[in-house]
Amino acid sequence: MIGTLYISHATMDLSPEDLAKILRVSVANNPKRGITGVLMYHEGMFLQYLEGPEAQVAETLAAIKDDPRHRNMFVLINDQIAERHFPDWAMALADPTLMPPKDQDLCRRLHDAVSDHVTGVLKRQLQSLVANFHRIADNRPR
C-alpha cells in the first residue's frame, strides 16, 4: 500500500460549492478503487494525501495531473505504508484555518517552493502534517 502527498496550484478560484462537488465525486469513486485520504484547498493551492493500492493511487494521480483545475503538480511524499492514516475516509476535506500556526507556515512555504526538492527535514514535517489532518478535517466517516 502506498501513501502519497501532492501539492498543486489551482488554475481558477474554487468556491465552497466547487470543493463540495470534488468531495462528492471522490467519496463516490474512491471506495471502488480502495483509496482513502484527505484534501485541503487554500489560497489557490491543493494539498492532498491519498492512500491505497499503488496502481490505483498512481492512476488517480495521473487523472488529477490531467485535470484542468490543476497545474504545477508536485509529489512530496510517495511512500510504502503499513496501515492507512484515514481508513474510514473515502475522502475528507480539511479546513486549513484550523491548522496550528507552524503547519500554516509550512503550507505557505510549500506554496512558494512547490518545485524545490523535498529534503529529509521537510519530508518529516510533511509526514507530521499528514498525521495531524485528523484534527482539522471533518471527522465524520465518508
Protein backbone atom coordinates (compact mmCIF):
# COMPACT_ATOMS: atom_id res chain seq x y z
CA MET A 1 0.00 0.00 0.00
CA ILE A 2 1.21 3.50 -0.82
CA GLY A 3 0.70 6.89 0.83
CA THR A 4 1.12 9.88 -1.47
CA LEU A 5 1.02 13.58 -0.67
CA TYR A 6 0.98 16.06 -3.53
CA ILE A 7 0.65 19.78 -3.93
CA SER A 8 -0.67 21.65 -6.95
CA HIS A 9 -1.80 25.13 -7.85
CA ALA A 10 -5.39 25.70 -8.88
CA THR A 11 -5.94 27.17 -12.33
CA MET A 12 -9.01 29.05 -11.07
CA ASP A 13 -10.52 30.16 -7.78
CA LEU A 14 -12.74 27.45 -6.34
CA SER A 15 -15.87 28.17 -4.36
CA PRO A 16 -17.09 26.09 -1.41
CA GLU A 17 -19.63 24.59 -3.84
CA ASP A 18 -16.82 23.59 -6.23
CA LEU A 19 -14.98 21.89 -3.37
CA ALA A 20 -18.16 20.12 -2.24
CA LYS A 21 -18.59 18.74 -5.77
CA ILE A 22 -14.98 17.49 -5.83
CA LEU A 23 -15.58 15.85 -2.45
CA ARG A 24 -18.82 14.18 -3.61
CA VAL A 25 -17.13 12.72 -6.70
CA SER A 26 -14.19 11.47 -4.63
CA VAL A 27 -16.46 9.93 -2.00
CA ALA A 28 -18.36 8.11 -4.76
CA ASN A 29 -15.30 6.90 -6.70
CA ASN A 30 -12.56 6.24 -4.16
CA PRO A 31 -14.10 3.24 -2.34
CA LYS A 32 -14.33 1.36 -5.66
CA ARG A 33 -10.58 1.81 -6.05
CA GLY A 34 -9.62 1.15 -2.43
CA ILE A 35 -8.46 4.74 -1.95
CA THR A 36 -8.85 6.86 1.17
CA GLY A 37 -7.47 10.28 2.02
CA VAL A 38 -7.91 13.95 2.73
CA LEU A 39 -7.96 17.11 0.60
CA MET A 40 -7.12 20.66 1.60
CA TYR A 41 -7.58 23.73 -0.59
CA HIS A 42 -6.31 27.12 0.50
CA GLU A 43 -5.33 30.31 -1.30
CA GLY A 44 -5.22 28.66 -4.71
CA MET A 45 -3.33 25.57 -3.60
CA PHE A 46 -4.38 21.94 -3.34
CA LEU A 47 -2.69 19.67 -0.82
CA GLN A 48 -3.99 16.13 -0.93
CA TYR A 49 -3.00 12.86 0.70
CA LEU A 50 -4.10 9.64 -0.99
CA GLU A 51 -3.55 6.12 0.31
CA GLY A 52 -4.34 2.73 -1.12
CA PRO A 53 -3.10 0.15 -3.61
CA GLU A 54 -0.11 1.52 -5.50
CA ALA A 55 -1.57 1.05 -9.01
CA GLN A 56 -4.87 2.72 -8.11
CA VAL A 57 -3.19 5.66 -6.40
CA ALA A 58 -0.91 6.10 -9.44
CA GLU A 59 -3.92 6.05 -11.78
CA THR A 60 -5.73 8.58 -9.61
CA LEU A 61 -2.68 10.86 -9.54
CA ALA A 62 -2.43 10.66 -13.33
CA ALA A 63 -6.08 11.68 -13.65
CA ILE A 64 -5.57 14.58 -11.23
CA LYS A 65 -2.49 15.71 -13.16
CA ASP A 66 -4.61 15.81 -16.34
CA ASP A 67 -7.43 17.69 -14.59
CA PRO A 68 -7.56 21.25 -15.97
CA ARG A 69 -8.13 22.62 -12.45
CA HIS A 70 -4.53 21.69 -11.52
CA ARG A 71 -1.14 22.95 -12.62
CA ASN A 72 2.38 22.52 -11.25
CA MET A 73 1.55 19.24 -9.54
CA PHE A 74 4.43 18.02 -7.40
CA VAL A 75 4.52 14.79 -5.41
CA LEU A 76 6.01 15.47 -1.98
CA ILE A 77 5.69 12.03 -0.39
CA ASN A 78 5.24 8.69 -2.11
CA ASP A 79 5.99 6.03 0.50
CA GLN A 80 5.02 2.47 1.24
CA ILE A 81 2.78 2.43 4.32
CA ALA A 82 1.89 -0.46 6.60
CA GLU A 83 -1.51 0.92 7.54
CA ARG A 84 -3.81 3.72 6.49
CA HIS A 85 -3.93 7.08 8.23
CA PHE A 86 -7.58 7.53 7.16
CA PRO A 87 -9.20 4.09 6.88
CA ASP A 88 -12.74 5.43 7.28
CA TRP A 89 -12.48 8.40 4.92
CA ALA A 90 -13.16 7.83 1.22
CA MET A 91 -12.17 11.49 1.17
CA ALA A 92 -12.34 14.21 3.80
CA LEU A 93 -11.97 17.94 3.38
CA ALA A 94 -9.50 19.57 5.79
CA ASP A 95 -10.14 23.13 6.95
CA PRO A 96 -6.81 24.98 6.73
CA THR A 97 -7.97 27.65 9.17
CA LEU A 98 -7.91 25.03 11.94
CA MET A 99 -4.22 24.21 11.43
CA PRO A 100 -1.71 25.19 14.08
CA PRO A 101 0.45 28.19 13.06
CA LYS A 102 3.51 26.02 12.34
CA ASP A 103 1.51 23.95 9.83
CA GLN A 104 0.08 27.11 8.24
CA ASP A 105 3.64 28.39 7.83
CA LEU A 106 4.70 25.08 6.28
CA CYS A 107 1.85 25.29 3.76
CA ARG A 108 2.82 28.85 2.83
CA ARG A 109 6.39 27.72 2.25
CA LEU A 110 5.17 24.82 0.13
CA HIS A 111 3.03 27.14 -1.94
CA ASP A 112 6.09 29.25 -2.76
CA ALA A 113 8.51 26.38 -3.26
CA VAL A 114 6.47 23.68 -4.96
CA SER A 115 9.21 22.91 -7.46
CA ASP A 116 12.04 22.68 -4.91
CA HIS A 117 13.49 19.33 -3.95
CA VAL A 118 11.96 17.84 -0.80
CA THR A 119 14.63 17.43 1.84
CA GLY A 120 14.59 14.92 4.69
CA VAL A 121 13.61 17.57 7.24
CA LEU A 122 10.75 18.86 5.09
CA LYS A 123 9.60 15.31 4.39
CA ARG A 124 9.39 14.56 8.14
CA GLN A 125 7.43 17.79 8.67
CA LEU A 126 5.05 16.80 5.88
CA GLN A 127 4.57 13.33 7.37
CA SER A 128 3.69 15.00 10.68
CA LEU A 129 1.26 17.29 8.86
CA VAL A 130 -0.49 14.28 7.31
CA ALA A 131 -0.76 12.63 10.72
CA ASN A 132 -2.31 15.83 12.12
CA PHE A 133 -5.02 16.07 9.44
CA HIS A 134 -7.32 14.19 11.84
CA ARG A 135 -7.58 17.34 13.95
CA ILE A 136 -8.52 19.67 11.09
CA ALA A 137 -10.84 17.57 8.96
CA ASP A 138 -14.47 16.78 9.34
CA ASN A 139 -14.25 13.60 11.43
CA ARG A 140 -17.42 12.01 10.18
CA PRO A 141 -16.66 8.87 8.16
CA ARG A 142 -17.24 9.37 4.47
